[in-house]
């Protein structure tokens, strides 16, 4: 099975500030940027359901495993 590459496409640019928006394409889905990314360390987000993430617009999260 081959893995799909992670790519980034720029949607809009502001030449005056060099700000940009875009989309990160991953094998698991797309992430619109800029994005609010939850960082779950020491199981701090274990009580949050996937539905609650969707309600506030979270598209991705980073988590550590021990």
PDB file of N, CA and C in Angstrom:
ATOM      1  N   UNK A   1       0.840  -1.170   0.000  1.00  0.00           N
ATOM      2  CA  UNK A   1       0.000   0.000   0.000  1.00  0.00           C
ATOM      3  C   UNK A   1       0.892   1.242   0.000  1.00  0.00           C
ATOM      4  N   UNK A   2       0.645   2.164  -0.917  1.00  0.00           N
ATOM      5  CA  UNK A   2       1.442   3.388  -0.985  1.00  0.00           C
ATOM      6  C   UNK A   2       0.807   4.482  -0.138  1.00  0.00           C
ATOM      7  N   UNK A   3       1.656   5.308   0.444  1.00  0.00           N
ATOM      8  CA  UNK A   3       1.181   6.412   1.261  1.00  0.00           C
ATOM      9  C   UNK A   3       1.031   7.650   0.399  1.00  0.00           C
ATOM     10  N   UNK A   4      -0.028   8.386   0.645  1.00  0.00           N
ATOM     11  CA  UNK A   4      -0.272   9.631  -0.063  1.00  0.00           C
ATOM     12  C   UNK A   4       0.565  10.730   0.592  1.00  0.00           C
ATOM     13  N   UNK A   5       1.180  11.565  -0.197  1.00  0.00           N
ATOM     14  CA  UNK A   5       2.020  12.636   0.326  1.00  0.00           C
ATOM     15  C   UNK A   5       1.179  13.740   0.971  1.00  0.00           C
ATOM     16  N   UNK A   6       1.783  14.421   1.912  1.00  0.00           N
ATOM     17  CA  UNK A   6       1.164  15.607   2.502  1.00  0.00           C
ATOM     18  C   UNK A   6       1.589  16.793   1.650  1.00  0.00           C
ATOM     19  N   UNK A   7       0.607  17.571   1.198  1.00  0.00           N
ATOM     20  CA  UNK A   7       0.901  18.732   0.356  1.00  0.00           C
ATOM     21  C   UNK A   7       0.215  19.966   0.926  1.00  0.00           C
ATOM     22  N   UNK A   8       0.672  21.137   0.486  1.00  0.00           N
ATOM     23  CA  UNK A   8       0.107  22.418   0.918  1.00  0.00           C
ATOM     24  C   UNK A   8      -0.136  23.274  -0.305  1.00  0.00           C
ATOM     25  N   UNK A   9      -1.355  23.780  -0.429  1.00  0.00           N
ATOM     26  CA  UNK A   9      -1.705  24.679  -1.520  1.00  0.00           C
ATOM     27  C   UNK A   9      -2.090  26.032  -0.945  1.00  0.00           C
ATOM     28  N   UNK A  10      -1.511  27.089  -1.489  1.00  0.00           N
ATOM     29  CA  UNK A  10      -1.840  28.447  -1.056  1.00  0.00           C
ATOM     30  C   UNK A  10      -3.106  28.885  -1.780  1.00  0.00           C
ATOM     31  N   UNK A  11      -4.083  29.379  -0.992  1.00  0.00           N
ATOM     32  CA  UNK A  11      -5.346  29.850  -1.558  1.00  0.00           C
ATOM     33  C   UNK A  11      -5.318  31.348  -1.852  1.00  0.00           C
ATOM     34  N   UNK A  12      -4.789  32.113  -0.910  1.00  0.00           N
ATOM     35  CA  UNK A  12      -4.735  33.573  -1.059  1.00  0.00           C
ATOM     36  C   UNK A  12      -3.458  34.098  -0.431  1.00  0.00           C
ATOM     37  N   UNK A  13      -2.944  35.191  -0.994  1.00  0.00           N
ATOM     38  CA  UNK A  13      -1.748  35.839  -0.460  1.00  0.00           C
ATOM     39  C   UNK A  13      -2.007  37.325  -0.311  1.00  0.00           C
ATOM     40  N   UNK A  14      -1.361  37.923   0.686  1.00  0.00           N
ATOM     41  CA  UNK A  14      -1.341  39.376   0.835  1.00  0.00           C
ATOM     42  C   UNK A  14       0.107  39.800   0.645  1.00  0.00           C
ATOM     43  N   UNK A  15       0.398  40.396  -0.480  1.00  0.00           N
ATOM     44  CA  UNK A  15       1.780  40.750  -0.802  1.00  0.00           C
ATOM     45  C   UNK A  15       2.343  41.785   0.156  1.00  0.00           C
ATOM     46  N   UNK A  16       1.484  42.639   0.728  1.00  0.00           N
ATOM     47  CA  UNK A  16       1.957  43.673   1.648  1.00  0.00           C
ATOM     48  C   UNK A  16       2.462  43.117   2.964  1.00  0.00           C
ATOM     49  N   UNK A  17       1.841  42.053   3.456  1.00  0.00           N
ATOM     50  CA  UNK A  17       2.225  41.493   4.752  1.00  0.00           C
ATOM     51  C   UNK A  17       2.818  40.096   4.642  1.00  0.00           C
ATOM     52  N   UNK A  18       2.767  39.500   3.474  1.00  0.00           N
ATOM     53  CA  UNK A  18       3.205  38.121   3.227  1.00  0.00           C
ATOM     54  C   UNK A  18       2.333  37.092   3.951  1.00  0.00           C
ATOM     55  N   UNK A  19       1.165  37.525   4.450  1.00  0.00           N
ATOM     56  CA  UNK A  19       0.217  36.586   5.048  1.00  0.00           C
ATOM     57  C   UNK A  19      -0.354  35.697   3.943  1.00  0.00           C
ATOM     58  N   UNK A  20      -0.817  34.521   4.327  1.00  0.00           N
ATOM     59  CA  UNK A  20      -1.400  33.615   3.336  1.00  0.00           C
ATOM     60  C   UNK A  20      -2.405  32.695   4.009  1.00  0.00           C
ATOM     61  N   UNK A  21      -3.321  32.206   3.205  1.00  0.00           N
ATOM     62  CA  UNK A  21      -4.229  31.148   3.635  1.00  0.00           C
ATOM     63  C   UNK A  21      -4.009  29.980   2.684  1.00  0.00           C
ATOM     64  N   UNK A  22      -4.360  28.805   3.144  1.00  0.00           N
ATOM     65  CA  UNK A  22      -4.159  27.646   2.292  1.00  0.00           C
ATOM     66  C   UNK A  22      -4.831  26.420   2.846  1.00  0.00           C
ATOM     67  N   UNK A  23      -4.493  25.297   2.238  1.00  0.00           N
ATOM     68  CA  UNK A  23      -5.045  24.011   2.648  1.00  0.00           C
ATOM     69  C   UNK A  23      -3.910  22.998   2.704  1.00  0.00           C
ATOM     70  N   UNK A  24      -3.799  22.322   3.855  1.00  0.00           N
ATOM     71  CA  UNK A  24      -2.867  21.204   3.986  1.00  0.00           C
ATOM     72  C   UNK A  24      -3.662  19.954   3.647  1.00  0.00           C
ATOM     73  N   UNK A  25      -3.202  19.218   2.655  1.00  0.00           N
ATOM     74  CA  UNK A  25      -3.866  17.980   2.247  1.00  0.00           C
ATOM     75  C   UNK A  25      -3.103  16.808   2.858  1.00  0.00           C
ATOM     76  N   UNK A  26      -3.793  15.992   3.669  1.00  0.00           N
ATOM     77  CA  UNK A  26      -3.166  14.832   4.302  1.00  0.00           C
ATOM     78  C   UNK A  26      -3.944  13.575   3.904  1.00  0.00           C
ATOM     79  N   UNK A  27      -3.371  12.406   4.129  1.00  0.00           N
ATOM     80  CA  UNK A  27      -4.102  11.172   3.838  1.00  0.00           C
ATOM     81  C   UNK A  27      -5.395  11.037   4.656  1.00  0.00           C
ATOM     82  N   UNK A  28      -5.490  11.766   5.761  1.00  0.00           N
ATOM     83  CA  UNK A  28      -6.669  11.665   6.634  1.00  0.00           C
ATOM     84  C   UNK A  28      -7.679  12.779   6.418  1.00  0.00           C
ATOM     85  N   UNK A  29      -7.377  13.742   5.569  1.00  0.00           N
ATOM     86  CA  UNK A  29      -8.300  14.836   5.304  1.00  0.00           C
ATOM     87  C   UNK A  29      -7.561  16.153   5.144  1.00  0.00           C
ATOM     88  N   UNK A  30      -8.311  17.179   4.826  1.00  0.00           N
ATOM     89  CA  UNK A  30      -7.750  18.503   4.578  1.00  0.00           C
ATOM     90  C   UNK A  30      -7.866  19.379   5.821  1.00  0.00           C
ATOM     91  N   UNK A  31      -6.890  20.293   5.979  1.00  0.00           N
ATOM     92  CA  UNK A  31      -6.879  21.247   7.078  1.00  0.00           C
ATOM     93  C   UNK A  31      -6.728  22.633   6.470  1.00  0.00           C
ATOM     94  N   UNK A  32      -7.718  23.487   6.686  1.00  0.00           N
ATOM     95  CA  UNK A  32      -7.642  24.855   6.192  1.00  0.00           C
ATOM     96  C   UNK A  32      -6.770  25.668   7.136  1.00  0.00           C
ATOM     97  N   UNK A  33      -5.894  26.503   6.556  1.00  0.00           N
ATOM     98  CA  UNK A  33      -5.025  27.345   7.368  1.00  0.00           C
ATOM     99  C   UNK A  33      -5.354  28.810   7.142  1.00  0.00           C
ATOM    100  N   UNK A  34      -5.151  29.657   8.135  1.00  0.00           N
ATOM    101  CA  UNK A  34      -4.622  29.310   9.450  1.00  0.00           C
ATOM    102  C   UNK A  34      -5.619  28.451  10.220  1.00  0.00           C
ATOM    103  N   UNK A  35      -5.107  27.644  11.131  1.00  0.00           N
ATOM    104  CA  UNK A  35      -5.953  26.706  11.865  1.00  0.00           C
ATOM    105  C   UNK A  35      -5.665  26.786  13.359  1.00  0.00           C
ATOM    106  N   UNK A  36      -6.703  26.603  14.150  1.00  0.00           N
ATOM    107  CA  UNK A  36      -6.552  26.457  15.587  1.00  0.00           C
ATOM    108  C   UNK A  36      -6.338  24.979  15.846  1.00  0.00           C
ATOM    109  N   UNK A  37      -5.162  24.628  16.358  1.00  0.00           N
ATOM    110  CA  UNK A  37      -4.809  23.226  16.567  1.00  0.00           C
ATOM    111  C   UNK A  37      -4.753  22.944  18.066  1.00  0.00           C
ATOM    112  N   UNK A  38      -5.534  21.977  18.496  1.00  0.00           N
ATOM    113  CA  UNK A  38      -5.525  21.542  19.887  1.00  0.00           C
ATOM    114  C   UNK A  38      -4.265  20.720  20.131  1.00  0.00           C
ATOM    115  N   UNK A  39      -3.589  20.980  21.246  1.00  0.00           N
ATOM    116  CA  UNK A  39      -2.432  20.171  21.629  1.00  0.00           C
ATOM    117  C   UNK A  39      -2.800  19.463  22.919  1.00  0.00           C
ATOM    118  N   UNK A  40      -2.930  18.146  22.837  1.00  0.00           N
ATOM    119  CA  UNK A  40      -3.336  17.362  23.996  1.00  0.00           C
ATOM    120  C   UNK A  40      -2.143  16.660  24.613  1.00  0.00           C
ATOM    121  N   UNK A  41      -1.698  17.162  25.748  1.00  0.00           N
ATOM    122  CA  UNK A  41      -0.611  16.512  26.456  1.00  0.00           C
ATOM    123  C   UNK A  41      -1.127  15.995  27.789  1.00  0.00           C
ATOM    124  N   UNK A  42      -0.571  14.913  28.232  1.00  0.00           N
ATOM    125  CA  UNK A  42      -0.954  14.298  29.501  1.00  0.00           C
ATOM    126  C   UNK A  42      -2.462  14.046  29.577  1.00  0.00           C
ATOM    127  N   UNK A  43      -3.037  13.645  28.454  1.00  0.00           N
ATOM    128  CA  UNK A  43      -4.460  13.274  28.363  1.00  0.00           C
ATOM    129  C   UNK A  43      -5.401  14.418  28.701  1.00  0.00           C
ATOM    130  N   UNK A  44      -5.014  15.650  28.417  1.00  0.00           N
ATOM    131  CA  UNK A  44      -5.834  16.804  28.784  1.00  0.00           C
ATOM    132  C   UNK A  44      -7.114  16.933  27.967  1.00  0.00           C
ATOM    133  N   UNK A  45      -7.222  16.238  26.856  1.00  0.00           N
ATOM    134  CA  UNK A  45      -8.429  16.362  26.030  1.00  0.00           C
ATOM    135  C   UNK A  45      -9.223  15.070  25.954  1.00  0.00           C
ATOM    136  N   UNK A  46      -8.940  14.139  26.838  1.00  0.00           N
ATOM    137  CA  UNK A  46      -9.606  12.834  26.756  1.00  0.00           C
ATOM    138  C   UNK A  46     -11.099  12.901  27.027  1.00  0.00           C
ATOM    139  N   UNK A  47     -11.578  13.932  27.680  1.00  0.00           N
ATOM    140  CA  UNK A  47     -12.998  14.043  27.987  1.00  0.00           C
ATOM    141  C   UNK A  47     -13.799  14.795  26.943  1.00  0.00           C
ATOM    142  N   UNK A  48     -13.166  15.169  25.830  1.00  0.00           N
ATOM    143  CA  UNK A  48     -13.849  15.916  24.773  1.00  0.00           C
ATOM    144  C   UNK A  48     -14.236  14.947  23.659  1.00  0.00           C
ATOM    145  N   UNK A  49     -15.480  15.020  23.235  1.00  0.00           N
ATOM    146  CA  UNK A  49     -15.959  14.115  22.189  1.00  0.00           C
ATOM    147  C   UNK A  49     -15.650  14.676  20.797  1.00  0.00           C
ATOM    148  N   UNK A  50     -15.604  13.833  19.771  1.00  0.00           N
ATOM    149  CA  UNK A  50     -15.418  14.333  18.408  1.00  0.00           C
ATOM    150  C   UNK A  50     -16.484  15.357  18.014  1.00  0.00           C
ATOM    151  N   UNK A  51     -17.706  15.167  18.485  1.00  0.00           N
ATOM    152  CA  UNK A  51     -18.769  16.131  18.191  1.00  0.00           C
ATOM    153  C   UNK A  51     -18.485  17.503  18.768  1.00  0.00           C
ATOM    154  N   UNK A  52     -17.909  17.538  19.968  1.00  0.00           N
ATOM    155  CA  UNK A  52     -17.552  18.818  20.575  1.00  0.00           C
ATOM    156  C   UNK A  52     -16.445  19.514  19.790  1.00  0.00           C
ATOM    157  N   UNK A  53     -15.484  18.743  19.273  1.00  0.00           N
ATOM    158  CA  UNK A  53     -14.466  19.337  18.409  1.00  0.00           C
ATOM    159  C   UNK A  53     -15.117  19.968  17.182  1.00  0.00           C
ATOM    160  N   UNK A  54     -16.027  19.251  16.558  1.00  0.00           N
ATOM    161  CA  UNK A  54     -16.701  19.753  15.359  1.00  0.00           C
ATOM    162  C   UNK A  54     -17.515  21.007  15.658  1.00  0.00           C
ATOM    163  N   UNK A  55     -18.147  21.046  16.830  1.00  0.00           N
ATOM    164  CA  UNK A  55     -18.976  22.204  17.198  1.00  0.00           C
ATOM    165  C   UNK A  55     -18.186  23.501  17.233  1.00  0.00           C
ATOM    166  N   UNK A  56     -16.919  23.429  17.625  1.00  0.00           N
ATOM    167  CA  UNK A  56     -16.107  24.650  17.709  1.00  0.00           C
ATOM    168  C   UNK A  56     -15.165  24.815  16.512  1.00  0.00           C
ATOM    169  N   UNK A  57     -15.253  23.926  15.543  1.00  0.00           N
ATOM    170  CA  UNK A  57     -14.496  24.069  14.301  1.00  0.00           C
ATOM    171  C   UNK A  57     -13.072  23.547  14.333  1.00  0.00           C
ATOM    172  N   UNK A  58     -12.750  22.674  15.267  1.00  0.00           N
ATOM    173  CA  UNK A  58     -11.407  22.098  15.331  1.00  0.00           C
ATOM    174  C   UNK A  58     -11.257  21.102  14.188  1.00  0.00           C
ATOM    175  N   UNK A  59     -10.205  21.280  13.394  1.00  0.00           N
ATOM    176  CA  UNK A  59      -9.971  20.387  12.260  1.00  0.00           C
ATOM    177  C   UNK A  59      -8.911  19.338  12.536  1.00  0.00           C
ATOM    178  N   UNK A  60      -8.069  19.586  13.530  1.00  0.00           N
ATOM    179  CA  UNK A  60      -6.970  18.659  13.815  1.00  0.00           C
ATOM    180  C   UNK A  60      -6.494  18.836  15.241  1.00  0.00           C
ATOM    181  N   UNK A  61      -5.728  17.874  15.712  1.00  0.00           N
ATOM    182  CA  UNK A  61      -5.127  17.990  17.034  1.00  0.00           C
ATOM    183  C   UNK A  61      -3.811  17.238  17.057  1.00  0.00           C
ATOM    184  N   UNK A  62      -2.933  17.656  17.944  1.00  0.00           N
ATOM    185  CA  UNK A  62      -1.670  16.968  18.171  1.00  0.00           C
ATOM    186  C   UNK A  62      -1.760  16.302  19.533  1.00  0.00           C
ATOM    187  N   UNK A  63      -1.300  15.075  19.622  1.00  0.00           N
ATOM    188  CA  UNK A  63      -1.378  14.360  20.891  1.00  0.00           C
ATOM    189  C   UNK A  63      -0.119  13.535  21.099  1.00  0.00           C
ATOM    190  N   UNK A  64       0.332  13.472  22.332  1.00  0.00           N
ATOM    191  CA  UNK A  64       1.454  12.620  22.702  1.00  0.00           C
ATOM    192  C   UNK A  64       0.937  11.288  23.192  1.00  0.00           C
ATOM    193  N   UNK A  65       1.675  10.236  22.958  1.00  0.00           N
ATOM    194  CA  UNK A  65       1.364   8.942  23.541  1.00  0.00           C
ATOM    195  C   UNK A  65       2.565   8.494  24.340  1.00  0.00           C
ATOM    196  N   UNK A  66       2.290   7.834  25.427  1.00  0.00           N
ATOM    197  CA  UNK A  66       3.386   7.376  26.288  1.00  0.00           C
ATOM    198  C   UNK A  66       3.412   5.870  26.300  1.00  0.00           C
TER     199      UNK A  66
END
